[in-house]
Amino acid sequence: MTFFEIIILIVAGVLVGFINTLAGGGSIISLSLLMFMGLPANVANGTNRIAIFLQTLTATREFKKAGLLTSKKAYFLGIPAVFGSVVGSFIAIEINKELFEKVMVAIMVVMLFFIFYKPSVWLKGKQELLNKKSSWFQYLIFFFIGIYGGFIHAGIGYLLLISLVLGAGFDLLQANAVKTLIVLMFIPFSLLVFAFGGQINYIYGLVLAIGNIIGAFVASKFAVEKGANFVRWVILIVVIVTALHIFGLIDFGKIFTKISLK
């Protein structure tokens, strides 16, 4: 690995960590970069989990210090996601690029719809839902979200935010903190599956993680200080940019190529 590649990985990691902590889908950037640097898709998928683990560890610590992780419901909803992620990781031998992009497009469309659906719900949450005991149906939803997280992971933030705000009653700021906690709960198990499968490049993963940690730290501070409305606008921007990438209007691969040639 060259010095230039180290710098690119760290800078990209900062951006990814920031995006993932405040919204989701940042892994599209890190996966594109890792594959551009020569890692097979499945190895890039596993390698990215090192950075995700350290990123969520950092953000969860900051959110907890800010008093955003006091609800026991957050931990209970994370348990089925843990089991689901293990299942998803075992079936993630190869990423089908076409399937990956179709799933991401669907998630983007759903997220755009829901982010405009009753904005007050996203900003204030629903206290009656938050106080209500989680149903078996909710646990099932989080199990399947865990499967998706174990399989692809990119975009899981949106699925968690929709489920936590509209299904569990958290406001957007709380949901972001809980989202981070749930990912932290399941990512070590998913990481182990990829490790035993020999699908992790530890050097690339740890270098990328340096940036992710910085990005997560800054993003968590921003989220706490600026509040739910700021988070909502960040999500809107990230969703639009990600959708443009998926539809071919923005090509991260070409961007990395141009940067590397300079």
C-alpha atoms as a PDB file:
ATOM      1  CA  MET A   1       0.000   0.000   0.000  1.00  0.00           C
ATOM      2  CA  THR A   2       1.386   3.401  -1.035  1.00  0.00           C
ATOM      3  CA  PHE A   3       1.361   6.554   1.098  1.00  0.00           C
ATOM      4  CA  PHE A   4      -1.150   8.083  -1.333  1.00  0.00           C
ATOM      5  CA  GLU A   5      -3.499   5.121  -0.910  1.00  0.00           C
ATOM      6  CA  ILE A   6      -3.279   5.469   2.877  1.00  0.00           C
ATOM      7  CA  ILE A   7      -4.273   9.147   2.653  1.00  0.00           C
ATOM      8  CA  ILE A   8      -7.164   8.389   0.273  1.00  0.00           C
ATOM      9  CA  LEU A   9      -8.464   5.619   2.537  1.00  0.00           C
ATOM     10  CA  ILE A  10      -8.356   7.826   5.630  1.00  0.00           C
ATOM     11  CA  VAL A  11     -10.016  10.802   3.901  1.00  0.00           C
ATOM     12  CA  ALA A  12     -12.718   8.550   2.447  1.00  0.00           C
ATOM     13  CA  GLY A  13     -13.145   6.973   5.873  1.00  0.00           C
ATOM     14  CA  VAL A  14     -13.818  10.372   7.455  1.00  0.00           C
ATOM     15  CA  LEU A  15     -16.570  11.014   4.903  1.00  0.00           C
ATOM     16  CA  VAL A  16     -18.023   7.519   5.286  1.00  0.00           C
ATOM     17  CA  GLY A  17     -17.972   7.668   9.080  1.00  0.00           C
ATOM     18  CA  PHE A  18     -19.724  11.039   9.025  1.00  0.00           C
ATOM     19  CA  ILE A  19     -22.401   9.905   6.557  1.00  0.00           C
ATOM     20  CA  ASN A  20     -23.038   6.565   8.261  1.00  0.00           C
ATOM     21  CA  THR A  21     -23.418   8.161  11.683  1.00  0.00           C
ATOM     22  CA  LEU A  22     -25.866  10.857  10.569  1.00  0.00           C
ATOM     23  CA  ALA A  23     -27.702   8.956   7.845  1.00  0.00           C
ATOM     24  CA  GLY A  24     -26.575   5.771   6.094  1.00  0.00           C
ATOM     25  CA  GLY A  25     -25.283   4.486   2.773  1.00  0.00           C
ATOM     26  CA  GLY A  26     -21.726   5.728   3.299  1.00  0.00           C
ATOM     27  CA  SER A  27     -20.449   2.204   2.768  1.00  0.00           C
ATOM     28  CA  ILE A  28     -21.183   2.600  -0.947  1.00  0.00           C
ATOM     29  CA  ILE A  29     -18.191   4.959  -1.028  1.00  0.00           C
ATOM     30  CA  SER A  30     -15.875   2.711   0.987  1.00  0.00           C
ATOM     31  CA  LEU A  31     -16.891  -0.432  -0.928  1.00  0.00           C
ATOM     32  CA  SER A  32     -16.332   1.347  -4.260  1.00  0.00           C
ATOM     33  CA  LEU A  33     -12.913   2.550  -3.106  1.00  0.00           C
ATOM     34  CA  LEU A  34     -11.804  -0.824  -1.736  1.00  0.00           C
ATOM     35  CA  MET A  35     -12.804  -2.571  -4.981  1.00  0.00           C
ATOM     36  CA  PHE A  36     -11.087   0.177  -7.013  1.00  0.00           C
ATOM     37  CA  MET A  37      -7.914  -0.590  -5.026  1.00  0.00           C
ATOM     38  CA  GLY A  38      -8.097  -4.200  -6.161  1.00  0.00           C
ATOM     39  CA  LEU A  39     -10.023  -6.054  -3.464  1.00  0.00           C
ATOM     40  CA  PRO A  40     -12.624  -8.580  -4.664  1.00  0.00           C
ATOM     41  CA  ALA A  41     -16.209  -7.543  -3.862  1.00  0.00           C
ATOM     42  CA  ASN A  42     -16.639 -10.138  -1.109  1.00  0.00           C
ATOM     43  CA  VAL A  43     -13.307  -9.189   0.520  1.00  0.00           C
ATOM     44  CA  ALA A  44     -14.191  -5.489   0.285  1.00  0.00           C
ATOM     45  CA  ASN A  45     -17.501  -6.316   1.966  1.00  0.00           C
ATOM     46  CA  GLY A  46     -15.733  -8.053   4.843  1.00  0.00           C
ATOM     47  CA  THR A  47     -12.903  -5.510   5.115  1.00  0.00           C
ATOM     48  CA  ASN A  48     -15.380  -2.647   5.388  1.00  0.00           C
ATOM     49  CA  ARG A  49     -16.795  -4.210   8.575  1.00  0.00           C
ATOM     50  CA  ILE A  50     -13.616  -3.438  10.537  1.00  0.00           C
ATOM     51  CA  ALA A  51     -14.116   0.266   9.889  1.00  0.00           C
ATOM     52  CA  ILE A  52     -17.855   0.005  10.612  1.00  0.00           C
ATOM     53  CA  PHE A  53     -17.189  -1.677  13.965  1.00  0.00           C
ATOM     54  CA  LEU A  54     -14.759   1.003  15.175  1.00  0.00           C
ATOM     55  CA  GLN A  55     -16.952   3.762  13.731  1.00  0.00           C
ATOM     56  CA  THR A  56     -20.059   2.589  15.601  1.00  0.00           C
ATOM     57  CA  LEU A  57     -18.049   2.009  18.779  1.00  0.00           C
ATOM     58  CA  THR A  58     -16.954   5.662  18.672  1.00  0.00           C
ATOM     59  CA  ALA A  59     -20.381   7.103  17.827  1.00  0.00           C
ATOM     60  CA  THR A  60     -22.222   4.934  20.368  1.00  0.00           C
ATOM     61  CA  ARG A  61     -19.886   6.118  23.115  1.00  0.00           C
ATOM     62  CA  GLU A  62     -20.601   9.763  22.236  1.00  0.00           C
ATOM     63  CA  PHE A  63     -24.366   9.236  21.974  1.00  0.00           C
ATOM     64  CA  LYS A  64     -24.383   7.433  25.313  1.00  0.00           C
ATOM     65  CA  LYS A  65     -22.488  10.302  26.955  1.00  0.00           C
ATOM     66  CA  ALA A  66     -25.137  12.672  25.561  1.00  0.00           C
ATOM     67  CA  GLY A  67     -27.919  10.652  27.229  1.00  0.00           C
ATOM     68  CA  LEU A  68     -29.526   9.404  23.992  1.00  0.00           C
ATOM     69  CA  LEU A  69     -29.352   5.680  24.800  1.00  0.00           C
ATOM     70  CA  THR A  70     -31.465   5.372  27.938  1.00  0.00           C
ATOM     71  CA  SER A  71     -34.323   3.327  26.437  1.00  0.00           C
ATOM     72  CA  LYS A  72     -34.180  -0.427  27.110  1.00  0.00           C
ATOM     73  CA  LYS A  73     -36.192  -0.939  23.925  1.00  0.00           C
ATOM     74  CA  ALA A  74     -33.072  -0.061  21.923  1.00  0.00           C
ATOM     75  CA  TYR A  75     -31.194  -3.059  23.313  1.00  0.00           C
ATOM     76  CA  PHE A  76     -34.118  -5.472  22.941  1.00  0.00           C
ATOM     77  CA  LEU A  77     -34.588  -4.534  19.275  1.00  0.00           C
ATOM     78  CA  GLY A  78     -30.882  -5.125  18.677  1.00  0.00           C
ATOM     79  CA  ILE A  79     -31.021  -8.778  19.773  1.00  0.00           C
ATOM     80  CA  PRO A  80     -32.947 -10.147  16.737  1.00  0.00           C
ATOM     81  CA  ALA A  81     -30.726  -8.022  14.481  1.00  0.00           C
ATOM     82  CA  VAL A  82     -27.692  -9.857  15.895  1.00  0.00           C
ATOM     83  CA  PHE A  83     -29.117 -13.262  14.933  1.00  0.00           C
ATOM     84  CA  GLY A  84     -30.170 -11.951  11.531  1.00  0.00           C
ATOM     85  CA  SER A  85     -26.722 -10.531  10.798  1.00  0.00           C
ATOM     86  CA  VAL A  86     -25.091 -13.915  11.376  1.00  0.00           C
ATOM     87  CA  VAL A  87     -27.479 -15.506   8.867  1.00  0.00           C
ATOM     88  CA  GLY A  88     -26.853 -12.704   6.374  1.00  0.00           C
ATOM     89  CA  SER A  89     -23.091 -12.944   6.721  1.00  0.00           C
ATOM     90  CA  PHE A  90     -23.101 -16.668   5.957  1.00  0.00           C
ATOM     91  CA  ILE A  91     -24.957 -16.106   2.670  1.00  0.00           C
ATOM     92  CA  ALA A  92     -22.717 -13.170   1.676  1.00  0.00           C
ATOM     93  CA  ILE A  93     -20.167 -15.292  -0.167  1.00  0.00           C
ATOM     94  CA  GLU A  94     -20.430 -13.115  -3.250  1.00  0.00           C
ATOM     95  CA  ILE A  95     -22.174  -9.784  -3.791  1.00  0.00           C
ATOM     96  CA  ASN A  96     -24.333  -9.735  -6.901  1.00  0.00           C
ATOM     97  CA  LYS A  97     -23.702  -6.174  -8.111  1.00  0.00           C
ATOM     98  CA  GLU A  98     -26.998  -5.901 -10.008  1.00  0.00           C
ATOM     99  CA  LEU A  99     -29.014  -7.183  -7.048  1.00  0.00           C
ATOM    100  CA  PHE A 100     -27.073  -4.872  -4.733  1.00  0.00           C
ATOM    101  CA  GLU A 101     -27.943  -1.811  -6.821  1.00  0.00           C
ATOM    102  CA  LYS A 102     -31.613  -2.781  -7.201  1.00  0.00           C
ATOM    103  CA  VAL A 103     -31.973  -3.215  -3.448  1.00  0.00           C
ATOM    104  CA  MET A 104     -30.267   0.115  -2.809  1.00  0.00           C
ATOM    105  CA  VAL A 105     -32.540   1.915  -5.301  1.00  0.00           C
ATOM    106  CA  ALA A 106     -35.600   0.476  -3.568  1.00  0.00           C
ATOM    107  CA  ILE A 107     -34.311   1.609  -0.162  1.00  0.00           C
ATOM    108  CA  MET A 108     -33.579   5.115  -1.493  1.00  0.00           C
ATOM    109  CA  VAL A 109     -37.098   5.485  -2.897  1.00  0.00           C
ATOM    110  CA  VAL A 110     -38.672   4.278   0.352  1.00  0.00           C
ATOM    111  CA  MET A 111     -36.467   6.575   2.428  1.00  0.00           C
ATOM    112  CA  LEU A 112     -37.246   9.630   0.281  1.00  0.00           C
ATOM    113  CA  PHE A 113     -40.966   8.927   0.614  1.00  0.00           C
ATOM    114  CA  PHE A 114     -40.858   8.492   4.367  1.00  0.00           C
ATOM    115  CA  ILE A 115     -38.579  11.471   5.031  1.00  0.00           C
ATOM    116  CA  PHE A 116     -41.274  13.721   3.530  1.00  0.00           C
ATOM    117  CA  TYR A 117     -44.078  11.770   5.213  1.00  0.00           C
ATOM    118  CA  LYS A 118     -45.253  13.660   8.295  1.00  0.00           C
ATOM    119  CA  PRO A 119     -42.002  15.548   9.069  1.00  0.00           C
ATOM    120  CA  SER A 120     -43.220  16.207  12.618  1.00  0.00           C
ATOM    121  CA  VAL A 121     -43.035  12.470  13.364  1.00  0.00           C
ATOM    122  CA  TRP A 122     -39.348  12.411  12.398  1.00  0.00           C
ATOM    123  CA  LEU A 123     -38.578  15.455  14.517  1.00  0.00           C
ATOM    124  CA  LYS A 124     -40.686  14.675  17.583  1.00  0.00           C
ATOM    125  CA  GLY A 125     -41.248  10.906  17.530  1.00  0.00           C
ATOM    126  CA  LYS A 126     -44.292   9.158  18.992  1.00  0.00           C
ATOM    127  CA  GLN A 127     -44.183   8.827  22.763  1.00  0.00           C
ATOM    128  CA  GLU A 128     -47.075   6.346  22.863  1.00  0.00           C
ATOM    129  CA  LEU A 129     -45.182   3.988  20.539  1.00  0.00           C
ATOM    130  CA  LEU A 130     -41.941   4.501  22.433  1.00  0.00           C
ATOM    131  CA  ASN A 131     -43.584   3.516  25.720  1.00  0.00           C
ATOM    132  CA  LYS A 132     -45.329   0.535  24.154  1.00  0.00           C
ATOM    133  CA  LYS A 133     -43.775  -2.916  24.446  1.00  0.00           C
ATOM    134  CA  SER A 134     -42.247  -4.159  21.187  1.00  0.00           C
ATOM    135  CA  SER A 135     -44.319  -6.732  19.316  1.00  0.00           C
ATOM    136  CA  TRP A 136     -43.111 -10.012  17.845  1.00  0.00           C
ATOM    137  CA  PHE A 137     -43.687  -8.466  14.416  1.00  0.00           C
ATOM    138  CA  GLN A 138     -41.197  -5.707  15.252  1.00  0.00           C
ATOM    139  CA  TYR A 139     -38.652  -8.273  16.409  1.00  0.00           C
ATOM    140  CA  LEU A 140     -39.167 -10.116  13.106  1.00  0.00           C
ATOM    141  CA  ILE A 141     -38.571  -6.904  11.150  1.00  0.00           C
ATOM    142  CA  PHE A 142     -35.310  -6.272  12.987  1.00  0.00           C
ATOM    143  CA  PHE A 143     -34.260  -9.883  12.386  1.00  0.00           C
ATOM    144  CA  PHE A 144     -34.632  -9.362   8.628  1.00  0.00           C
ATOM    145  CA  ILE A 145     -32.884  -5.995   8.840  1.00  0.00           C
ATOM    146  CA  GLY A 146     -30.044  -7.877  10.545  1.00  0.00           C
ATOM    147  CA  ILE A 147     -29.938 -10.351   7.646  1.00  0.00           C
ATOM    148  CA  TYR A 148     -29.583  -7.455   5.220  1.00  0.00           C
ATOM    149  CA  GLY A 149     -26.881  -5.925   7.418  1.00  0.00           C
ATOM    150  CA  GLY A 150     -24.944  -9.174   7.495  1.00  0.00           C
ATOM    151  CA  PHE A 151     -25.264  -9.641   3.737  1.00  0.00           C
ATOM    152  CA  ILE A 152     -24.607  -6.182   2.239  1.00  0.00           C
ATOM    153  CA  HIS A 153     -24.753  -3.628   5.078  1.00  0.00           C
ATOM    154  CA  ALA A 154     -24.686  -0.555   2.799  1.00  0.00           C
ATOM    155  CA  GLY A 155     -27.975   1.272   3.295  1.00  0.00           C
ATOM    156  CA  ILE A 156     -28.935  -0.484   6.524  1.00  0.00           C
ATOM    157  CA  GLY A 157     -28.997   2.888   8.284  1.00  0.00           C
ATOM    158  CA  TYR A 158     -32.079   3.901   6.305  1.00  0.00           C
ATOM    159  CA  LEU A 159     -33.925   0.676   7.104  1.00  0.00           C
ATOM    160  CA  LEU A 160     -33.153   1.090  10.795  1.00  0.00           C
ATOM    161  CA  LEU A 161     -34.193   4.755  10.846  1.00  0.00           C
ATOM    162  CA  ILE A 162     -37.544   4.031   9.176  1.00  0.00           C
ATOM    163  CA  SER A 163     -38.251   1.179  11.585  1.00  0.00           C
ATOM    164  CA  LEU A 164     -37.107   3.074  14.686  1.00  0.00           C
ATOM    165  CA  VAL A 165     -38.982   6.314  13.929  1.00  0.00           C
ATOM    166  CA  LEU A 166     -42.211   5.064  12.359  1.00  0.00           C
ATOM    167  CA  GLY A 167     -42.381   1.688  14.076  1.00  0.00           C
ATOM    168  CA  ALA A 168     -40.840   2.206  17.508  1.00  0.00           C
ATOM    169  CA  GLY A 169     -41.597   5.890  18.156  1.00  0.00           C
ATOM    170  CA  PHE A 170     -38.082   7.351  18.493  1.00  0.00           C
ATOM    171  CA  ASP A 171     -37.452  10.860  17.160  1.00  0.00           C
ATOM    172  CA  LEU A 172     -34.789  11.160  14.468  1.00  0.00           C
ATOM    173  CA  LEU A 173     -31.991  12.141  16.844  1.00  0.00           C
ATOM    174  CA  GLN A 174     -32.719   9.256  19.225  1.00  0.00           C
ATOM    175  CA  ALA A 175     -33.174   6.889  16.284  1.00  0.00           C
ATOM    176  CA  ASN A 176     -29.724   7.785  14.976  1.00  0.00           C
ATOM    177  CA  ALA A 177     -28.201   6.900  18.327  1.00  0.00           C
ATOM    178  CA  VAL A 178     -30.164   3.644  18.580  1.00  0.00           C
ATOM    179  CA  LYS A 179     -29.315   2.792  14.963  1.00  0.00           C
ATOM    180  CA  THR A 180     -25.634   3.115  15.828  1.00  0.00           C
ATOM    181  CA  LEU A 181     -26.035   0.971  18.939  1.00  0.00           C
ATOM    182  CA  ILE A 182     -27.838  -1.811  17.040  1.00  0.00           C
ATOM    183  CA  VAL A 183     -25.140  -1.909  14.357  1.00  0.00           C
ATOM    184  CA  LEU A 184     -22.505  -2.059  17.104  1.00  0.00           C
ATOM    185  CA  MET A 185     -24.356  -5.012  18.650  1.00  0.00           C
ATOM    186  CA  PHE A 186     -24.393  -7.130  15.495  1.00  0.00           C
ATOM    187  CA  ILE A 187     -21.289  -6.070  13.562  1.00  0.00           C
ATOM    188  CA  PRO A 188     -18.765  -8.058  15.702  1.00  0.00           C
ATOM    189  CA  PHE A 189     -20.629 -11.307  14.958  1.00  0.00           C
ATOM    190  CA  SER A 190     -20.815 -10.476  11.268  1.00  0.00           C
ATOM    191  CA  LEU A 191     -17.119  -9.571  11.309  1.00  0.00           C
ATOM    192  CA  LEU A 192     -16.238 -12.957  12.816  1.00  0.00           C
ATOM    193  CA  VAL A 193     -18.064 -14.797  10.031  1.00  0.00           C
ATOM    194  CA  PHE A 194     -16.095 -12.903   7.367  1.00  0.00           C
ATOM    195  CA  ALA A 195     -12.860 -13.406   9.319  1.00  0.00           C
ATOM    196  CA  PHE A 196     -13.320 -17.179   9.498  1.00  0.00           C
ATOM    197  CA  GLY A 197     -14.159 -17.131   5.790  1.00  0.00           C
ATOM    198  CA  GLY A 198     -10.836 -15.412   5.025  1.00  0.00           C
ATOM    199  CA  GLN A 199     -12.619 -12.443   3.454  1.00  0.00           C
ATOM    200  CA  ILE A 200     -10.946  -9.550   5.288  1.00  0.00           C
ATOM    201  CA  ASN A 201      -7.880  -7.487   4.406  1.00  0.00           C
ATOM    202  CA  TYR A 202      -6.887  -6.255   7.858  1.00  0.00           C
ATOM    203  CA  ILE A 203      -4.397  -3.594   6.734  1.00  0.00           C
ATOM    204  CA  TYR A 204      -6.890  -1.865   4.441  1.00  0.00           C
ATOM    205  CA  GLY A 205      -9.639  -2.239   7.033  1.00  0.00           C
ATOM    206  CA  LEU A 206      -7.640  -0.692   9.872  1.00  0.00           C
ATOM    207  CA  VAL A 207      -6.389   2.227   7.759  1.00  0.00           C
ATOM    208  CA  LEU A 208      -9.936   2.936   6.578  1.00  0.00           C
ATOM    209  CA  ALA A 209     -11.093   2.700  10.196  1.00  0.00           C
ATOM    210  CA  ILE A 210      -8.875   5.636  11.202  1.00  0.00           C
ATOM    211  CA  GLY A 211     -10.982   7.888   8.998  1.00  0.00           C
ATOM    212  CA  ASN A 212     -14.270   6.283  10.028  1.00  0.00           C
ATOM    213  CA  ILE A 213     -13.504   6.922  13.700  1.00  0.00           C
ATOM    214  CA  ILE A 214     -12.799  10.611  13.048  1.00  0.00           C
ATOM    215  CA  GLY A 215     -15.932  10.995  10.913  1.00  0.00           C
ATOM    216  CA  ALA A 216     -18.123   9.239  13.479  1.00  0.00           C
ATOM    217  CA  PHE A 217     -16.793  11.386  16.321  1.00  0.00           C
ATOM    218  CA  VAL A 218     -17.446  14.645  14.455  1.00  0.00           C
ATOM    219  CA  ALA A 219     -20.877  13.513  13.221  1.00  0.00           C
ATOM    220  CA  SER A 220     -22.085  12.436  16.659  1.00  0.00           C
ATOM    221  CA  LYS A 221     -21.073  15.834  18.076  1.00  0.00           C
ATOM    222  CA  PHE A 222     -22.907  17.605  15.233  1.00  0.00           C
ATOM    223  CA  ALA A 223     -26.031  15.494  15.735  1.00  0.00           C
ATOM    224  CA  VAL A 224     -26.233  16.246  19.460  1.00  0.00           C
ATOM    225  CA  GLU A 225     -25.587  19.976  19.005  1.00  0.00           C
ATOM    226  CA  LYS A 226     -27.744  20.610  15.896  1.00  0.00           C
ATOM    227  CA  GLY A 227     -30.657  18.280  16.651  1.00  0.00           C
ATOM    228  CA  ALA A 228     -33.111  16.192  14.613  1.00  0.00           C
ATOM    229  CA  ASN A 229     -33.851  18.775  11.910  1.00  0.00           C
ATOM    230  CA  PHE A 230     -30.153  18.997  10.970  1.00  0.00           C
ATOM    231  CA  VAL A 231     -29.971  15.202  10.777  1.00  0.00           C
ATOM    232  CA  ARG A 232     -33.045  15.146   8.521  1.00  0.00           C
ATOM    233  CA  TRP A 233     -31.448  17.524   6.004  1.00  0.00           C
ATOM    234  CA  VAL A 234     -28.200  15.547   5.995  1.00  0.00           C
ATOM    235  CA  ILE A 235     -30.194  12.388   5.234  1.00  0.00           C
ATOM    236  CA  LEU A 236     -31.982  14.105   2.330  1.00  0.00           C
ATOM    237  CA  ILE A 237     -28.699  15.234   0.769  1.00  0.00           C
ATOM    238  CA  VAL A 238     -27.028  11.836   1.231  1.00  0.00           C
ATOM    239  CA  VAL A 239     -30.012   9.963  -0.231  1.00  0.00           C
ATOM    240  CA  ILE A 240     -30.060  12.186  -3.329  1.00  0.00           C
ATOM    241  CA  VAL A 241     -26.288  11.898  -3.930  1.00  0.00           C
ATOM    242  CA  THR A 242     -26.411   8.118  -3.424  1.00  0.00           C
ATOM    243  CA  ALA A 243     -29.325   7.799  -5.842  1.00  0.00           C
ATOM    244  CA  LEU A 244     -27.393   9.823  -8.456  1.00  0.00           C
ATOM    245  CA  HIS A 245     -24.460   7.409  -8.032  1.00  0.00           C
ATOM    246  CA  ILE A 246     -26.658   4.337  -8.440  1.00  0.00           C
ATOM    247  CA  PHE A 247     -28.287   5.754 -11.588  1.00  0.00           C
ATOM    248  CA  GLY A 248     -24.844   6.446 -13.065  1.00  0.00           C
ATOM    249  CA  LEU A 249     -24.948  10.240 -12.871  1.00  0.00           C
ATOM    250  CA  ILE A 250     -22.116  10.232 -10.322  1.00  0.00           C
ATOM    251  CA  ASP A 251     -19.402   7.563 -10.607  1.00  0.00           C
ATOM    252  CA  PHE A 252     -17.262   7.226  -7.475  1.00  0.00           C
ATOM    253  CA  GLY A 253     -14.932   4.879  -9.362  1.00  0.00           C
ATOM    254  CA  LYS A 254     -14.130   7.565 -11.954  1.00  0.00           C
ATOM    255  CA  ILE A 255     -13.654  10.121  -9.195  1.00  0.00           C
ATOM    256  CA  PHE A 256     -11.095   7.854  -7.492  1.00  0.00           C
ATOM    257  CA  THR A 257      -9.355   7.309 -10.852  1.00  0.00           C
ATOM    258  CA  LYS A 258      -9.032  11.047 -11.525  1.00  0.00           C
ATOM    259  CA  ILE A 259      -7.697  11.665  -8.018  1.00  0.00           C
ATOM    260  CA  SER A 260      -5.125   8.873  -8.332  1.00  0.00           C
ATOM    261  CA  LEU A 261      -3.869  10.221 -11.670  1.00  0.00           C
ATOM    262  CA  LYS A 262      -3.167  13.678 -10.247  1.00  0.00           C
END
